[in-house]
């Protein structure tokens, strides 16, 4: 008998939670309605549901929001740890781009050269021959 009452309370909590929610934001976190007049809300929206049930639903939602907050803080910390590595990568890419540009300019100014094989292990430049 106690199990049936607990199951009914759990079902009522779920319905109360759905009534308390008013959508989700872009991250999928639910928005909760603010109740101005508790008596009116209980009488009209929840058909006289006990106050304890509503408080239980709010407690459940609060624990969910705390979990969301912990996850968000962990994501922020991971992102902060990645920032120096991303900055180093960006500076390396900029250096490589400038090297490539300098080489392109130097190739335009210098005479063409090619390697001529003298032996299997030595490839002197044509300018040295």
C-alpha atoms as a PDB file:
ATOM      1  CA  UNK A   1       0.000   0.000   0.000  1.00  0.00           C
ATOM      2  CA  UNK A   2       2.846   2.385   0.853  1.00  0.00           C
ATOM      3  CA  UNK A   3       4.424   1.701  -2.541  1.00  0.00           C
ATOM      4  CA  UNK A   4       1.244   2.782  -4.312  1.00  0.00           C
ATOM      5  CA  UNK A   5       1.141   6.042  -2.335  1.00  0.00           C
ATOM      6  CA  UNK A   6       4.814   6.708  -3.125  1.00  0.00           C
ATOM      7  CA  UNK A   7       4.204   6.019  -6.824  1.00  0.00           C
ATOM      8  CA  UNK A   8       1.201   8.360  -6.825  1.00  0.00           C
ATOM      9  CA  UNK A   9       3.262  11.056  -5.097  1.00  0.00           C
ATOM     10  CA  UNK A  10       6.049  10.603  -7.659  1.00  0.00           C
ATOM     11  CA  UNK A  11       3.545  10.930 -10.505  1.00  0.00           C
ATOM     12  CA  UNK A  12       2.082  14.025  -8.871  1.00  0.00           C
ATOM     13  CA  UNK A  13       5.609  15.480  -8.500  1.00  0.00           C
ATOM     14  CA  UNK A  14       6.232  14.961 -12.205  1.00  0.00           C
ATOM     15  CA  UNK A  15       2.973  16.696 -13.123  1.00  0.00           C
ATOM     16  CA  UNK A  16       3.754  19.527 -10.708  1.00  0.00           C
ATOM     17  CA  UNK A  17       7.252  19.886 -12.209  1.00  0.00           C
ATOM     18  CA  UNK A  18       5.778  20.092 -15.703  1.00  0.00           C
ATOM     19  CA  UNK A  19       3.343  22.753 -14.501  1.00  0.00           C
ATOM     20  CA  UNK A  20       6.144  24.751 -12.878  1.00  0.00           C
ATOM     21  CA  UNK A  21       8.282  24.732 -16.034  1.00  0.00           C
ATOM     22  CA  UNK A  22       7.658  27.228 -18.822  1.00  0.00           C
ATOM     23  CA  UNK A  23      10.061  26.157 -21.574  1.00  0.00           C
ATOM     24  CA  UNK A  24      13.781  25.721 -22.042  1.00  0.00           C
ATOM     25  CA  UNK A  25      16.607  28.053 -22.980  1.00  0.00           C
ATOM     26  CA  UNK A  26      19.060  27.517 -25.853  1.00  0.00           C
ATOM     27  CA  UNK A  27      21.231  25.207 -23.732  1.00  0.00           C
ATOM     28  CA  UNK A  28      18.283  22.985 -22.828  1.00  0.00           C
ATOM     29  CA  UNK A  29      18.036  24.208 -19.249  1.00  0.00           C
ATOM     30  CA  UNK A  30      14.398  24.523 -18.167  1.00  0.00           C
ATOM     31  CA  UNK A  31      12.885  27.876 -17.212  1.00  0.00           C
ATOM     32  CA  UNK A  32      10.798  27.884 -14.044  1.00  0.00           C
ATOM     33  CA  UNK A  33       7.726  30.010 -13.536  1.00  0.00           C
ATOM     34  CA  UNK A  34       7.650  32.510 -10.704  1.00  0.00           C
ATOM     35  CA  UNK A  35       4.527  32.186  -8.574  1.00  0.00           C
ATOM     36  CA  UNK A  36       3.158  35.484  -7.265  1.00  0.00           C
ATOM     37  CA  UNK A  37       0.079  34.156  -5.491  1.00  0.00           C
ATOM     38  CA  UNK A  38       0.649  30.641  -4.150  1.00  0.00           C
ATOM     39  CA  UNK A  39      -2.942  30.094  -3.012  1.00  0.00           C
ATOM     40  CA  UNK A  40      -4.342  31.062  -6.402  1.00  0.00           C
ATOM     41  CA  UNK A  41      -1.752  28.934  -8.207  1.00  0.00           C
ATOM     42  CA  UNK A  42      -2.510  25.865  -6.097  1.00  0.00           C
ATOM     43  CA  UNK A  43      -6.257  26.290  -6.493  1.00  0.00           C
ATOM     44  CA  UNK A  44      -6.367  27.052 -10.208  1.00  0.00           C
ATOM     45  CA  UNK A  45      -3.392  25.350 -11.871  1.00  0.00           C
ATOM     46  CA  UNK A  46      -2.841  22.335  -9.632  1.00  0.00           C
ATOM     47  CA  UNK A  47      -6.437  21.688  -8.507  1.00  0.00           C
ATOM     48  CA  UNK A  48      -5.720  21.911  -4.798  1.00  0.00           C
ATOM     49  CA  UNK A  49      -2.469  19.959  -4.741  1.00  0.00           C
ATOM     50  CA  UNK A  50      -0.828  19.976  -1.336  1.00  0.00           C
ATOM     51  CA  UNK A  51       1.810  22.603  -0.657  1.00  0.00           C
ATOM     52  CA  UNK A  52       4.272  19.881   0.344  1.00  0.00           C
ATOM     53  CA  UNK A  53       4.031  18.394  -3.146  1.00  0.00           C
ATOM     54  CA  UNK A  54       4.853  21.737  -4.754  1.00  0.00           C
ATOM     55  CA  UNK A  55       7.737  22.282  -2.342  1.00  0.00           C
ATOM     56  CA  UNK A  56       9.011  18.792  -3.175  1.00  0.00           C
ATOM     57  CA  UNK A  57       8.834  19.591  -6.890  1.00  0.00           C
ATOM     58  CA  UNK A  58      10.742  22.836  -6.345  1.00  0.00           C
ATOM     59  CA  UNK A  59      13.352  20.949  -4.297  1.00  0.00           C
ATOM     60  CA  UNK A  60      13.778  18.456  -7.131  1.00  0.00           C
ATOM     61  CA  UNK A  61      14.148  21.263  -9.641  1.00  0.00           C
ATOM     62  CA  UNK A  62      16.669  22.988  -7.378  1.00  0.00           C
ATOM     63  CA  UNK A  63      18.816  19.855  -7.263  1.00  0.00           C
ATOM     64  CA  UNK A  64      18.649  19.631 -11.066  1.00  0.00           C
ATOM     65  CA  UNK A  65      19.714  23.266 -11.367  1.00  0.00           C
ATOM     66  CA  UNK A  66      22.625  22.674  -9.022  1.00  0.00           C
ATOM     67  CA  UNK A  67      23.717  19.791 -11.236  1.00  0.00           C
ATOM     68  CA  UNK A  68      23.476  22.069 -14.287  1.00  0.00           C
ATOM     69  CA  UNK A  69      25.551  24.668 -12.434  1.00  0.00           C
ATOM     70  CA  UNK A  70      28.275  22.166 -11.524  1.00  0.00           C
ATOM     71  CA  UNK A  71      28.454  20.965 -15.133  1.00  0.00           C
ATOM     72  CA  UNK A  72      28.655  24.535 -16.395  1.00  0.00           C
ATOM     73  CA  UNK A  73      31.466  25.370 -13.968  1.00  0.00           C
ATOM     74  CA  UNK A  74      33.398  22.277 -15.105  1.00  0.00           C
ATOM     75  CA  UNK A  75      32.987  23.311 -18.752  1.00  0.00           C
ATOM     76  CA  UNK A  76      34.241  26.820 -17.932  1.00  0.00           C
ATOM     77  CA  UNK A  77      37.302  25.453 -16.146  1.00  0.00           C
ATOM     78  CA  UNK A  78      38.118  23.165 -19.086  1.00  0.00           C
ATOM     79  CA  UNK A  79      37.753  26.083 -21.483  1.00  0.00           C
ATOM     80  CA  UNK A  80      40.036  28.262 -19.354  1.00  0.00           C
ATOM     81  CA  UNK A  81      42.655  25.512 -19.384  1.00  0.00           C
ATOM     82  CA  UNK A  82      42.480  25.299 -23.187  1.00  0.00           C
ATOM     83  CA  UNK A  83      42.960  29.042 -23.786  1.00  0.00           C
ATOM     84  CA  UNK A  84      46.789  29.122 -23.413  1.00  0.00           C
ATOM     85  CA  UNK A  85      47.166  26.137 -25.719  1.00  0.00           C
ATOM     86  CA  UNK A  86      44.919  27.753 -28.328  1.00  0.00           C
ATOM     87  CA  UNK A  87      46.892  31.010 -28.088  1.00  0.00           C
ATOM     88  CA  UNK A  88      50.189  29.140 -28.602  1.00  0.00           C
ATOM     89  CA  UNK A  89      48.719  27.361 -31.610  1.00  0.00           C
ATOM     90  CA  UNK A  90      47.523  30.656 -33.055  1.00  0.00           C
ATOM     91  CA  UNK A  91      50.951  32.284 -32.703  1.00  0.00           C
ATOM     92  CA  UNK A  92      52.581  29.227 -34.309  1.00  0.00           C
ATOM     93  CA  UNK A  93      50.194  29.448 -37.258  1.00  0.00           C
ATOM     94  CA  UNK A  94      50.948  33.165 -37.650  1.00  0.00           C
ATOM     95  CA  UNK A  95      54.689  32.455 -37.625  1.00  0.00           C
ATOM     96  CA  UNK A  96      54.297  29.739 -40.245  1.00  0.00           C
ATOM     97  CA  UNK A  97      52.270  32.087 -42.453  1.00  0.00           C
ATOM     98  CA  UNK A  98      54.934  34.807 -42.233  1.00  0.00           C
ATOM     99  CA  UNK A  99      57.667  32.244 -43.030  1.00  0.00           C
ATOM    100  CA  UNK A 100      55.741  31.100 -46.080  1.00  0.00           C
ATOM    101  CA  UNK A 101      55.288  34.710 -47.241  1.00  0.00           C
ATOM    102  CA  UNK A 102      58.995  35.453 -46.733  1.00  0.00           C
ATOM    103  CA  UNK A 103      59.979  32.344 -48.709  1.00  0.00           C
ATOM    104  CA  UNK A 104      57.604  33.314 -51.520  1.00  0.00           C
ATOM    105  CA  UNK A 105      59.188  36.780 -51.707  1.00  0.00           C
ATOM    106  CA  UNK A 106      62.742  35.323 -51.598  1.00  0.00           C
ATOM    107  CA  UNK A 107      61.972  32.889 -54.429  1.00  0.00           C
ATOM    108  CA  UNK A 108      60.839  35.768 -56.606  1.00  0.00           C
ATOM    109  CA  UNK A 109      64.137  37.661 -56.027  1.00  0.00           C
ATOM    110  CA  UNK A 110      66.660  34.808 -56.210  1.00  0.00           C
ATOM    111  CA  UNK A 111      67.705  33.026 -59.422  1.00  0.00           C
ATOM    112  CA  UNK A 112      66.235  29.620 -60.037  1.00  0.00           C
ATOM    113  CA  UNK A 113      68.277  26.725 -58.787  1.00  0.00           C
ATOM    114  CA  UNK A 114      67.932  22.997 -59.096  1.00  0.00           C
ATOM    115  CA  UNK A 115      69.761  20.054 -57.661  1.00  0.00           C
ATOM    116  CA  UNK A 116      71.943  17.891 -59.934  1.00  0.00           C
ATOM    117  CA  UNK A 117      72.850  14.394 -58.739  1.00  0.00           C
ATOM    118  CA  UNK A 118      76.631  13.777 -58.591  1.00  0.00           C
ATOM    119  CA  UNK A 119      76.477  10.682 -56.492  1.00  0.00           C
ATOM    120  CA  UNK A 120      73.681   8.834 -54.710  1.00  0.00           C
ATOM    121  CA  UNK A 121      74.365  10.716 -51.472  1.00  0.00           C
ATOM    122  CA  UNK A 122      75.279  14.225 -52.700  1.00  0.00           C
ATOM    123  CA  UNK A 123      72.967  16.689 -54.407  1.00  0.00           C
ATOM    124  CA  UNK A 124      74.825  19.977 -54.955  1.00  0.00           C
ATOM    125  CA  UNK A 125      73.007  22.993 -56.242  1.00  0.00           C
ATOM    126  CA  UNK A 126      73.366  23.821 -59.932  1.00  0.00           C
ATOM    127  CA  UNK A 127      74.860  27.167 -58.958  1.00  0.00           C
ATOM    128  CA  UNK A 128      77.792  25.313 -57.306  1.00  0.00           C
ATOM    129  CA  UNK A 129      78.702  23.284 -60.414  1.00  0.00           C
END
